[in-house]
Amino acid sequence: MKRLILIEDDKDARDMVVFTFENNGFEVIKAEKEITVDEIIALNPHIIVIGYQLKGMAGNDICKKLKANDKSNPIPVILYSSTVETAKIAPGNSADGYLGKPLELDDLVWLVHRISLNNR
């Protein structure tokens, strides 16, 4: 079973994404706030999905930290947002995938499958 870490502070969005991925065969580890790079490495995920707009720290900043670390760099990261367009999410980030509004969960599942199958 593929292990996915979801970093999302909006409970409704988190619950919806968790439900979707659990029903698509993923083990989902939820994080409501920033999770340290060391914690992520210890969890050994196959992929990380991060909400772009988080309270306290932007999802793209978390992505940059993960991609700057040699141990977490190989883990694929997807940034997503239901309120920001993909063209605004993608520039200057090192995520492996981006998905913006209009956010369709089927598209997010497809992107996660495509990226996670190409890694690990």
N, C-alpha and C. Protein backbone atom coordinates (compact mmCIF):
# COMPACT_ATOMS: atom_id res chain seq x y z
N MET A 1 0.84 -1.18 0.00
CA MET A 1 0.00 0.00 0.00
C MET A 1 0.89 1.24 0.00
N LYS A 2 0.58 2.19 -0.85
CA LYS A 2 1.33 3.43 -0.93
C LYS A 2 0.97 4.34 0.24
N ARG A 3 1.99 4.95 0.83
CA ARG A 3 1.80 5.86 1.96
C ARG A 3 1.88 7.30 1.47
N LEU A 4 0.84 8.08 1.76
CA LEU A 4 0.73 9.46 1.36
C LEU A 4 0.65 10.33 2.60
N ILE A 5 1.45 11.39 2.65
CA ILE A 5 1.32 12.37 3.72
C ILE A 5 0.54 13.55 3.15
N LEU A 6 -0.52 13.94 3.84
CA LEU A 6 -1.33 15.09 3.45
C LEU A 6 -1.13 16.18 4.48
N ILE A 7 -0.65 17.33 4.02
CA ILE A 7 -0.49 18.49 4.90
C ILE A 7 -1.56 19.50 4.50
N GLU A 8 -2.58 19.62 5.34
CA GLU A 8 -3.73 20.48 5.06
C GLU A 8 -4.33 20.91 6.39
N ASP A 9 -4.52 22.22 6.59
CA ASP A 9 -5.05 22.69 7.87
C ASP A 9 -6.56 22.94 7.86
N ASP A 10 -7.18 22.90 6.71
CA ASP A 10 -8.63 23.05 6.63
C ASP A 10 -9.27 21.67 6.82
N LYS A 11 -10.02 21.52 7.92
CA LYS A 11 -10.56 20.21 8.29
C LYS A 11 -11.45 19.62 7.19
N ASP A 12 -12.34 20.42 6.63
CA ASP A 12 -13.24 19.90 5.59
C ASP A 12 -12.47 19.43 4.36
N ALA A 13 -11.52 20.24 3.92
CA ALA A 13 -10.71 19.85 2.76
C ALA A 13 -9.89 18.61 3.08
N ARG A 14 -9.31 18.57 4.28
CA ARG A 14 -8.49 17.42 4.69
C ARG A 14 -9.33 16.16 4.70
N ASP A 15 -10.50 16.22 5.32
CA ASP A 15 -11.37 15.04 5.40
C ASP A 15 -11.76 14.54 4.01
N MET A 16 -12.04 15.47 3.10
CA MET A 16 -12.45 15.10 1.76
C MET A 16 -11.29 14.42 1.01
N VAL A 17 -10.10 14.98 1.13
CA VAL A 17 -8.94 14.41 0.44
C VAL A 17 -8.56 13.07 1.05
N VAL A 18 -8.59 12.97 2.37
CA VAL A 18 -8.28 11.69 3.04
C VAL A 18 -9.25 10.62 2.58
N PHE A 19 -10.53 10.91 2.61
CA PHE A 19 -11.56 9.95 2.19
C PHE A 19 -11.29 9.47 0.75
N THR A 20 -11.00 10.43 -0.12
CA THR A 20 -10.77 10.11 -1.53
C THR A 20 -9.57 9.18 -1.70
N PHE A 21 -8.46 9.49 -1.02
CA PHE A 21 -7.26 8.67 -1.21
C PHE A 21 -7.34 7.33 -0.49
N GLU A 22 -7.97 7.29 0.66
CA GLU A 22 -8.14 6.00 1.33
C GLU A 22 -8.99 5.06 0.47
N ASN A 23 -9.97 5.62 -0.22
CA ASN A 23 -10.81 4.81 -1.11
C ASN A 23 -10.11 4.46 -2.42
N ASN A 24 -8.92 5.02 -2.61
CA ASN A 24 -8.13 4.69 -3.79
C ASN A 24 -6.87 3.91 -3.42
N GLY A 25 -6.91 3.28 -2.23
CA GLY A 25 -5.86 2.34 -1.86
C GLY A 25 -4.62 2.93 -1.21
N PHE A 26 -4.68 4.16 -0.75
CA PHE A 26 -3.53 4.77 -0.08
C PHE A 26 -3.69 4.73 1.43
N GLU A 27 -2.58 4.58 2.11
CA GLU A 27 -2.53 4.84 3.55
C GLU A 27 -2.24 6.33 3.66
N VAL A 28 -3.12 7.07 4.33
CA VAL A 28 -2.97 8.52 4.42
C VAL A 28 -2.59 8.93 5.83
N ILE A 29 -1.51 9.67 5.93
CA ILE A 29 -1.07 10.24 7.21
C ILE A 29 -1.40 11.72 7.14
N LYS A 30 -2.21 12.20 8.09
CA LYS A 30 -2.68 13.58 8.07
C LYS A 30 -1.80 14.45 8.95
N ALA A 31 -1.53 15.65 8.46
CA ALA A 31 -0.83 16.66 9.24
C ALA A 31 -1.64 17.96 9.11
N GLU A 32 -2.04 18.50 10.26
CA GLU A 32 -2.83 19.73 10.25
C GLU A 32 -1.95 20.97 10.22
N LYS A 33 -0.69 20.79 10.51
CA LYS A 33 0.24 21.91 10.58
C LYS A 33 1.54 21.47 9.94
N GLU A 34 2.50 22.37 9.98
CA GLU A 34 3.79 22.00 9.41
C GLU A 34 4.36 20.80 10.14
N ILE A 35 4.89 19.90 9.39
CA ILE A 35 5.53 18.71 9.91
C ILE A 35 7.01 18.84 9.54
N THR A 36 7.89 18.47 10.43
CA THR A 36 9.31 18.67 10.15
C THR A 36 9.80 17.70 9.08
N VAL A 37 10.88 18.08 8.45
CA VAL A 37 11.49 17.23 7.44
C VAL A 37 11.90 15.89 8.06
N ASP A 38 12.45 15.93 9.26
CA ASP A 38 12.85 14.69 9.93
C ASP A 38 11.65 13.78 10.20
N GLU A 39 10.52 14.36 10.60
CA GLU A 39 9.31 13.57 10.83
C GLU A 39 8.83 12.92 9.53
N ILE A 40 8.89 13.68 8.45
CA ILE A 40 8.48 13.15 7.15
C ILE A 40 9.39 12.01 6.73
N ILE A 41 10.68 12.20 6.86
CA ILE A 41 11.64 11.15 6.49
C ILE A 41 11.37 9.88 7.29
N ALA A 42 11.10 10.03 8.59
CA ALA A 42 10.85 8.88 9.46
C ALA A 42 9.59 8.12 9.05
N LEU A 43 8.61 8.81 8.47
CA LEU A 43 7.36 8.17 8.05
C LEU A 43 7.50 7.44 6.71
N ASN A 44 8.57 7.72 5.98
CA ASN A 44 8.89 7.04 4.72
C ASN A 44 7.70 7.03 3.74
N PRO A 45 7.19 8.21 3.39
CA PRO A 45 6.05 8.24 2.46
C PRO A 45 6.48 8.00 1.02
N HIS A 46 5.53 7.58 0.21
CA HIS A 46 5.76 7.44 -1.22
C HIS A 46 5.54 8.77 -1.92
N ILE A 47 4.68 9.62 -1.33
CA ILE A 47 4.34 10.91 -1.93
C ILE A 47 3.79 11.83 -0.85
N ILE A 48 3.93 13.15 -1.06
CA ILE A 48 3.44 14.15 -0.12
C ILE A 48 2.53 15.10 -0.89
N VAL A 49 1.36 15.37 -0.34
CA VAL A 49 0.40 16.29 -0.94
C VAL A 49 0.23 17.44 0.05
N ILE A 50 0.45 18.67 -0.43
CA ILE A 50 0.43 19.84 0.46
C ILE A 50 -0.56 20.87 -0.06
N GLY A 51 -1.43 21.33 0.83
CA GLY A 51 -2.30 22.46 0.51
C GLY A 51 -1.45 23.70 0.32
N TYR A 52 -1.72 24.45 -0.71
CA TYR A 52 -0.91 25.62 -1.04
C TYR A 52 -1.07 26.73 0.00
N GLN A 53 -2.28 26.92 0.48
CA GLN A 53 -2.54 28.00 1.43
C GLN A 53 -2.78 27.42 2.81
N LEU A 54 -1.77 27.53 3.67
CA LEU A 54 -1.86 27.04 5.03
C LEU A 54 -1.71 28.22 5.99
N LYS A 55 -2.29 28.11 7.16
CA LYS A 55 -2.13 29.16 8.16
C LYS A 55 -0.72 29.07 8.74
N GLY A 56 -0.02 30.18 8.78
CA GLY A 56 1.30 30.19 9.40
C GLY A 56 2.44 29.98 8.44
N MET A 57 2.27 29.10 7.47
CA MET A 57 3.33 28.86 6.49
C MET A 57 2.70 28.38 5.19
N ALA A 58 3.17 28.94 4.11
CA ALA A 58 2.64 28.54 2.80
C ALA A 58 3.14 27.15 2.43
N GLY A 59 2.29 26.41 1.75
CA GLY A 59 2.65 25.07 1.31
C GLY A 59 3.88 25.04 0.44
N ASN A 60 4.07 26.09 -0.36
CA ASN A 60 5.25 26.11 -1.22
C ASN A 60 6.53 26.26 -0.40
N ASP A 61 6.47 26.91 0.76
CA ASP A 61 7.64 27.00 1.64
C ASP A 61 8.01 25.64 2.22
N ILE A 62 7.00 24.86 2.58
CA ILE A 62 7.25 23.50 3.08
C ILE A 62 7.88 22.67 1.96
N CYS A 63 7.34 22.81 0.76
CA CYS A 63 7.88 22.08 -0.39
C CYS A 63 9.35 22.44 -0.61
N LYS A 64 9.68 23.70 -0.54
CA LYS A 64 11.07 24.13 -0.75
C LYS A 64 12.00 23.53 0.31
N LYS A 65 11.54 23.46 1.56
CA LYS A 65 12.34 22.83 2.62
C LYS A 65 12.59 21.35 2.32
N LEU A 66 11.54 20.66 1.88
CA LEU A 66 11.65 19.24 1.57
C LEU A 66 12.61 19.01 0.40
N LYS A 67 12.53 19.83 -0.61
CA LYS A 67 13.37 19.66 -1.79
C LYS A 67 14.81 20.11 -1.55
N ALA A 68 15.05 20.90 -0.50
CA ALA A 68 16.40 21.36 -0.18
C ALA A 68 17.17 20.33 0.66
N ASN A 69 16.46 19.33 1.18
CA ASN A 69 17.09 18.31 2.03
C ASN A 69 17.40 17.07 1.18
N ASP A 70 18.63 16.60 1.27
CA ASP A 70 19.04 15.44 0.45
C ASP A 70 18.20 14.18 0.72
N LYS A 71 17.76 14.00 1.96
CA LYS A 71 17.00 12.78 2.30
C LYS A 71 15.54 12.85 1.87
N SER A 72 14.96 14.05 1.89
CA SER A 72 13.55 14.16 1.51
C SER A 72 13.37 14.60 0.06
N ASN A 73 14.42 15.06 -0.57
CA ASN A 73 14.34 15.54 -1.95
C ASN A 73 13.75 14.52 -2.92
N PRO A 74 14.09 13.22 -2.81
CA PRO A 74 13.54 12.26 -3.77
C PRO A 74 12.04 11.98 -3.61
N ILE A 75 11.45 12.36 -2.48
CA ILE A 75 10.02 12.10 -2.26
C ILE A 75 9.21 13.08 -3.11
N PRO A 76 8.34 12.58 -3.97
CA PRO A 76 7.54 13.48 -4.80
C PRO A 76 6.58 14.32 -3.95
N VAL A 77 6.44 15.58 -4.36
CA VAL A 77 5.55 16.52 -3.66
C VAL A 77 4.59 17.13 -4.67
N ILE A 78 3.32 17.17 -4.28
CA ILE A 78 2.30 17.83 -5.09
C ILE A 78 1.71 18.97 -4.26
N LEU A 79 1.65 20.16 -4.86
CA LEU A 79 0.96 21.30 -4.25
C LEU A 79 -0.40 21.42 -4.91
N TYR A 80 -1.43 21.70 -4.10
CA TYR A 80 -2.76 21.86 -4.67
C TYR A 80 -3.50 22.99 -3.98
N SER A 81 -4.48 23.55 -4.67
CA SER A 81 -5.30 24.61 -4.10
C SER A 81 -6.66 24.61 -4.79
N SER A 82 -7.69 24.86 -4.00
CA SER A 82 -9.02 24.98 -4.59
C SER A 82 -9.36 26.44 -4.86
N THR A 83 -8.46 27.36 -4.48
CA THR A 83 -8.76 28.79 -4.65
C THR A 83 -7.73 29.54 -5.48
N VAL A 84 -6.60 28.92 -5.77
CA VAL A 84 -5.53 29.59 -6.52
C VAL A 84 -5.31 28.82 -7.82
N GLU A 85 -5.11 29.57 -8.90
CA GLU A 85 -4.89 28.94 -10.20
C GLU A 85 -3.50 28.32 -10.27
N THR A 86 -3.39 27.24 -11.00
CA THR A 86 -2.13 26.52 -11.14
C THR A 86 -1.01 27.43 -11.61
N ALA A 87 -1.29 28.35 -12.50
CA ALA A 87 -0.25 29.25 -13.03
C ALA A 87 0.38 30.09 -11.92
N LYS A 88 -0.35 30.33 -10.84
CA LYS A 88 0.20 31.11 -9.72
C LYS A 88 0.93 30.22 -8.73
N ILE A 89 0.61 28.94 -8.71
CA ILE A 89 1.25 28.00 -7.78
C ILE A 89 2.61 27.56 -8.29
N ALA A 90 2.71 27.27 -9.56
CA ALA A 90 3.90 26.62 -10.12
C ALA A 90 5.19 27.43 -10.10
N PRO A 91 5.18 28.72 -10.42
CA PRO A 91 6.46 29.44 -10.53
C PRO A 91 7.25 29.46 -9.22
N GLY A 92 8.55 29.20 -9.35
CA GLY A 92 9.44 29.32 -8.19
C GLY A 92 9.37 28.19 -7.19
N ASN A 93 8.61 27.17 -7.44
CA ASN A 93 8.52 26.04 -6.53
C ASN A 93 9.22 24.84 -7.14
N SER A 94 9.54 23.87 -6.30
CA SER A 94 10.19 22.68 -6.82
C SER A 94 9.31 21.45 -6.68
N ALA A 95 8.01 21.66 -6.61
CA ALA A 95 7.10 20.53 -6.49
C ALA A 95 7.15 19.69 -7.76
N ASP A 96 6.80 18.44 -7.61
CA ASP A 96 6.78 17.52 -8.75
C ASP A 96 5.48 17.61 -9.53
N GLY A 97 4.47 18.24 -8.91
CA GLY A 97 3.19 18.41 -9.57
C GLY A 97 2.40 19.52 -8.91
N TYR A 98 1.47 20.11 -9.67
CA TYR A 98 0.67 21.23 -9.20
C TYR A 98 -0.76 21.02 -9.67
N LEU A 99 -1.69 21.43 -8.85
CA LEU A 99 -3.09 21.39 -9.27
C LEU A 99 -3.80 22.55 -8.59
N GLY A 100 -4.41 23.40 -9.39
CA GLY A 100 -5.10 24.57 -8.86
C GLY A 100 -6.55 24.56 -9.26
N LYS A 101 -7.21 25.68 -8.97
CA LYS A 101 -8.63 25.77 -9.28
C LYS A 101 -8.87 25.78 -10.77
N PRO A 102 -9.93 25.22 -11.21
CA PRO A 102 -10.91 24.50 -10.40
C PRO A 102 -10.37 23.12 -10.00
N LEU A 103 -10.35 22.86 -8.71
CA LEU A 103 -9.79 21.61 -8.19
C LEU A 103 -10.81 20.49 -8.32
N GLU A 104 -10.41 19.46 -9.00
CA GLU A 104 -11.23 18.25 -9.12
C GLU A 104 -10.47 17.13 -8.43
N LEU A 105 -11.09 16.47 -7.47
CA LEU A 105 -10.41 15.41 -6.74
C LEU A 105 -9.96 14.28 -7.65
N ASP A 106 -10.72 13.99 -8.68
CA ASP A 106 -10.31 12.94 -9.63
C ASP A 106 -8.98 13.31 -10.29
N ASP A 107 -8.81 14.60 -10.59
CA ASP A 107 -7.55 15.06 -11.19
C ASP A 107 -6.40 14.93 -10.20
N LEU A 108 -6.66 15.21 -8.93
CA LEU A 108 -5.63 15.08 -7.90
C LEU A 108 -5.23 13.62 -7.74
N VAL A 109 -6.21 12.73 -7.72
CA VAL A 109 -5.93 11.30 -7.61
C VAL A 109 -5.11 10.84 -8.82
N TRP A 110 -5.50 11.26 -10.01
CA TRP A 110 -4.77 10.88 -11.21
C TRP A 110 -3.32 11.36 -11.15
N LEU A 111 -3.13 12.62 -10.72
CA LEU A 111 -1.78 13.18 -10.64
C LEU A 111 -0.94 12.43 -9.61
N VAL A 112 -1.51 12.13 -8.46
CA VAL A 112 -0.78 11.38 -7.42
C VAL A 112 -0.41 9.99 -7.94
N HIS A 113 -1.34 9.30 -8.56
CA HIS A 113 -1.04 7.97 -9.12
C HIS A 113 0.07 8.06 -10.16
N ARG A 114 -0.02 9.02 -11.06
CA ARG A 114 0.96 9.15 -12.13
C ARG A 114 2.35 9.41 -11.57
N ILE A 115 2.44 10.33 -10.61
CA ILE A 115 3.74 10.68 -10.05
C ILE A 115 4.27 9.57 -9.13
N SER A 116 3.40 8.99 -8.31
CA SER A 116 3.89 7.97 -7.37
C SER A 116 4.28 6.68 -8.09
N LEU A 117 3.66 6.38 -9.21
CA LEU A 117 4.05 5.19 -9.96
C LEU A 117 5.41 5.34 -10.63
N ASN A 118 5.77 6.58 -10.93
CA ASN A 118 7.06 6.85 -11.56
C ASN A 118 8.20 6.93 -10.54
N ASN A 119 7.88 6.89 -9.26
CA ASN A 119 8.87 7.01 -8.20
C ASN A 119 8.73 5.83 -7.25
N ARG A 120 9.84 5.45 -6.69
CA ARG A 120 9.92 4.39 -5.68
C ARG A 120 9.38 3.10 -6.22
